[in-house]
Amino acid sequence: MDKEQENKIYQDAIEFFGNTSQKIMVIEEMSELTKELCKELRDRGNVENIADELADVEITLAQLKMIYNIHDLVEEHKDYKLHRFAKNMAELKANKNKG
């Protein structure tokens, strides 16, 4: 499915269910992903369930970005944080190699 089709579905869901309902859905889906990750850490989960819940989280997060109209802002923050993370990792690796 292309991005335009995805965005249409997200927008339709937001309009049909409303902002509040979709915000609650994000929270619920993140909770379900958390549950599946906890199960996997106890050797009782499986990758298929994690993938399924992760897909739900990504779908609802896309709607959340739409609700707040912050896709570009999120990308800016993500870019900044990834650069900072890469710098920190490089420093940690350099310090590890010294010791």
C-alpha atoms as a PDB file:
ATOM      1  CA  MET A   1       0.000   0.000   0.000  1.00  0.00           C
ATOM      2  CA  ASP A   2       1.365   3.425  -0.863  1.00  0.00           C
ATOM      3  CA  LYS A   3       1.689   6.352   1.571  1.00  0.00           C
ATOM      4  CA  GLU A   4      -1.267   8.214   0.081  1.00  0.00           C
ATOM      5  CA  GLN A   5      -3.575   5.238   0.685  1.00  0.00           C
ATOM      6  CA  GLU A   6      -2.219   4.802   4.220  1.00  0.00           C
ATOM      7  CA  ASN A   7      -2.759   8.464   5.025  1.00  0.00           C
ATOM      8  CA  LYS A   8      -6.322   8.309   3.697  1.00  0.00           C
ATOM      9  CA  ILE A   9      -7.109   5.363   5.960  1.00  0.00           C
ATOM     10  CA  TYR A  10      -5.541   7.126   8.961  1.00  0.00           C
ATOM     11  CA  GLN A  11      -7.505  10.295   8.277  1.00  0.00           C
ATOM     12  CA  ASP A  12     -10.744   8.365   7.809  1.00  0.00           C
ATOM     13  CA  ALA A  13     -10.180   6.596  11.150  1.00  0.00           C
ATOM     14  CA  ILE A  14      -9.498   9.884  12.939  1.00  0.00           C
ATOM     15  CA  GLU A  15     -12.608  11.483  11.452  1.00  0.00           C
ATOM     16  CA  PHE A  16     -14.799   8.459  12.197  1.00  0.00           C
ATOM     17  CA  PHE A  17     -13.623   7.590  15.714  1.00  0.00           C
ATOM     18  CA  GLY A  18     -12.416  11.047  16.819  1.00  0.00           C
ATOM     19  CA  ASN A  19      -9.140  12.330  18.232  1.00  0.00           C
ATOM     20  CA  THR A  20      -9.729  11.196  21.795  1.00  0.00           C
ATOM     21  CA  SER A  21     -10.598   7.647  20.797  1.00  0.00           C
ATOM     22  CA  GLN A  22      -7.498   7.347  18.630  1.00  0.00           C
ATOM     23  CA  LYS A  23      -5.282   8.753  21.395  1.00  0.00           C
ATOM     24  CA  ILE A  24      -6.663   6.095  23.739  1.00  0.00           C
ATOM     25  CA  MET A  25      -6.024   3.495  21.039  1.00  0.00           C
ATOM     26  CA  VAL A  26      -2.338   4.489  20.892  1.00  0.00           C
ATOM     27  CA  ILE A  27      -2.043   3.918  24.630  1.00  0.00           C
ATOM     28  CA  GLU A  28      -3.808   0.551  24.400  1.00  0.00           C
ATOM     29  CA  GLU A  29      -1.655  -0.638  21.519  1.00  0.00           C
ATOM     30  CA  MET A  30       1.571   0.392  23.259  1.00  0.00           C
ATOM     31  CA  SER A  31       0.395  -1.539  26.306  1.00  0.00           C
ATOM     32  CA  GLU A  32      -0.249  -4.641  24.210  1.00  0.00           C
ATOM     33  CA  LEU A  33       3.238  -4.380  22.704  1.00  0.00           C
ATOM     34  CA  THR A  34       4.675  -4.025  26.201  1.00  0.00           C
ATOM     35  CA  LYS A  35       2.814  -7.166  27.278  1.00  0.00           C
ATOM     36  CA  GLU A  36       4.163  -9.174  24.335  1.00  0.00           C
ATOM     37  CA  LEU A  37       7.721  -8.018  24.984  1.00  0.00           C
ATOM     38  CA  CYS A  38       7.397  -9.008  28.642  1.00  0.00           C
ATOM     39  CA  LYS A  39       6.110 -12.440  27.607  1.00  0.00           C
ATOM     40  CA  GLU A  40       9.065 -12.891  25.264  1.00  0.00           C
ATOM     41  CA  LEU A  41      11.495 -11.956  28.034  1.00  0.00           C
ATOM     42  CA  ARG A  42       9.924 -14.728  30.148  1.00  0.00           C
ATOM     43  CA  ASP A  43      10.325 -17.165  27.218  1.00  0.00           C
ATOM     44  CA  ARG A  44       6.545 -17.293  26.758  1.00  0.00           C
ATOM     45  CA  GLY A  45       6.132 -14.999  23.756  1.00  0.00           C
ATOM     46  CA  ASN A  46       6.823 -15.164  20.078  1.00  0.00           C
ATOM     47  CA  VAL A  47       8.079 -12.891  17.351  1.00  0.00           C
ATOM     48  CA  GLU A  48       4.844 -13.123  15.363  1.00  0.00           C
ATOM     49  CA  ASN A  49       2.850 -11.541  18.211  1.00  0.00           C
ATOM     50  CA  ILE A  50       5.510  -8.867  18.693  1.00  0.00           C
ATOM     51  CA  ALA A  51       5.401  -8.022  14.984  1.00  0.00           C
ATOM     52  CA  ASP A  52       1.599  -7.851  15.086  1.00  0.00           C
ATOM     53  CA  GLU A  53       1.549  -5.486  18.067  1.00  0.00           C
ATOM     54  CA  LEU A  54       4.391  -3.409  16.660  1.00  0.00           C
ATOM     55  CA  ALA A  55       2.379  -2.929  13.455  1.00  0.00           C
ATOM     56  CA  ASP A  56      -0.581  -1.734  15.535  1.00  0.00           C
ATOM     57  CA  VAL A  57       1.642   0.716  17.410  1.00  0.00           C
ATOM     58  CA  GLU A  58       3.118   2.102  14.187  1.00  0.00           C
ATOM     59  CA  ILE A  59      -0.369   2.558  12.704  1.00  0.00           C
ATOM     60  CA  THR A  60      -1.669   4.379  15.758  1.00  0.00           C
ATOM     61  CA  LEU A  61       1.479   6.506  16.094  1.00  0.00           C
ATOM     62  CA  ALA A  62       1.031   7.633  12.488  1.00  0.00           C
ATOM     63  CA  GLN A  63      -2.490   8.742  13.397  1.00  0.00           C
ATOM     64  CA  LEU A  64      -1.195  10.573  16.454  1.00  0.00           C
ATOM     65  CA  LYS A  65       1.273  12.519  14.299  1.00  0.00           C
ATOM     66  CA  MET A  66      -1.634  13.369  12.008  1.00  0.00           C
ATOM     67  CA  ILE A  67      -3.864  14.498  14.881  1.00  0.00           C
ATOM     68  CA  TYR A  68      -1.198  16.911  16.117  1.00  0.00           C
ATOM     69  CA  ASN A  69       0.104  17.715  12.618  1.00  0.00           C
ATOM     70  CA  ILE A  70       3.660  17.066  13.825  1.00  0.00           C
ATOM     71  CA  HIS A  71       5.166  14.614  11.336  1.00  0.00           C
ATOM     72  CA  ASP A  72       7.975  16.993  10.351  1.00  0.00           C
ATOM     73  CA  LEU A  73       8.591  18.047  13.950  1.00  0.00           C
ATOM     74  CA  VAL A  74       8.861  14.414  15.035  1.00  0.00           C
ATOM     75  CA  GLU A  75      11.340  13.769  12.214  1.00  0.00           C
ATOM     76  CA  GLU A  76      13.433  16.747  13.358  1.00  0.00           C
ATOM     77  CA  HIS A  77      13.500  15.471  16.930  1.00  0.00           C
ATOM     78  CA  LYS A  78      14.267  11.950  15.746  1.00  0.00           C
ATOM     79  CA  ASP A  79      17.146  13.188  13.589  1.00  0.00           C
ATOM     80  CA  TYR A  80      18.614  15.184  16.491  1.00  0.00           C
ATOM     81  CA  LYS A  81      18.284  12.267  18.896  1.00  0.00           C
ATOM     82  CA  LEU A  82      19.781   9.758  16.464  1.00  0.00           C
ATOM     83  CA  HIS A  83      22.800  12.002  15.893  1.00  0.00           C
ATOM     84  CA  ARG A  84      23.205  12.443  19.656  1.00  0.00           C
ATOM     85  CA  PHE A  85      22.842   8.684  20.164  1.00  0.00           C
ATOM     86  CA  ALA A  86      25.449   7.937  17.488  1.00  0.00           C
ATOM     87  CA  LYS A  87      27.865  10.388  19.124  1.00  0.00           C
ATOM     88  CA  ASN A  88      27.300   8.827  22.556  1.00  0.00           C
ATOM     89  CA  MET A  89      27.787   5.329  21.161  1.00  0.00           C
ATOM     90  CA  ALA A  90      31.041   6.362  19.486  1.00  0.00           C
ATOM     91  CA  GLU A  91      32.276   7.770  22.804  1.00  0.00           C
ATOM     92  CA  LEU A  92      31.263   4.625  24.698  1.00  0.00           C
ATOM     93  CA  LYS A  93      32.997   2.409  22.145  1.00  0.00           C
ATOM     94  CA  ALA A  94      36.154   4.533  22.286  1.00  0.00           C
ATOM     95  CA  ASN A  95      36.211   4.355  26.086  1.00  0.00           C
ATOM     96  CA  LYS A  96      35.618   0.605  26.025  1.00  0.00           C
ATOM     97  CA  ASN A  97      38.536   0.112  23.641  1.00  0.00           C
ATOM     98  CA  LYS A  98      40.814   2.124  25.943  1.00  0.00           C
ATOM     99  CA  GLY A  99      40.149  -0.160  28.908  1.00  0.00           C
END
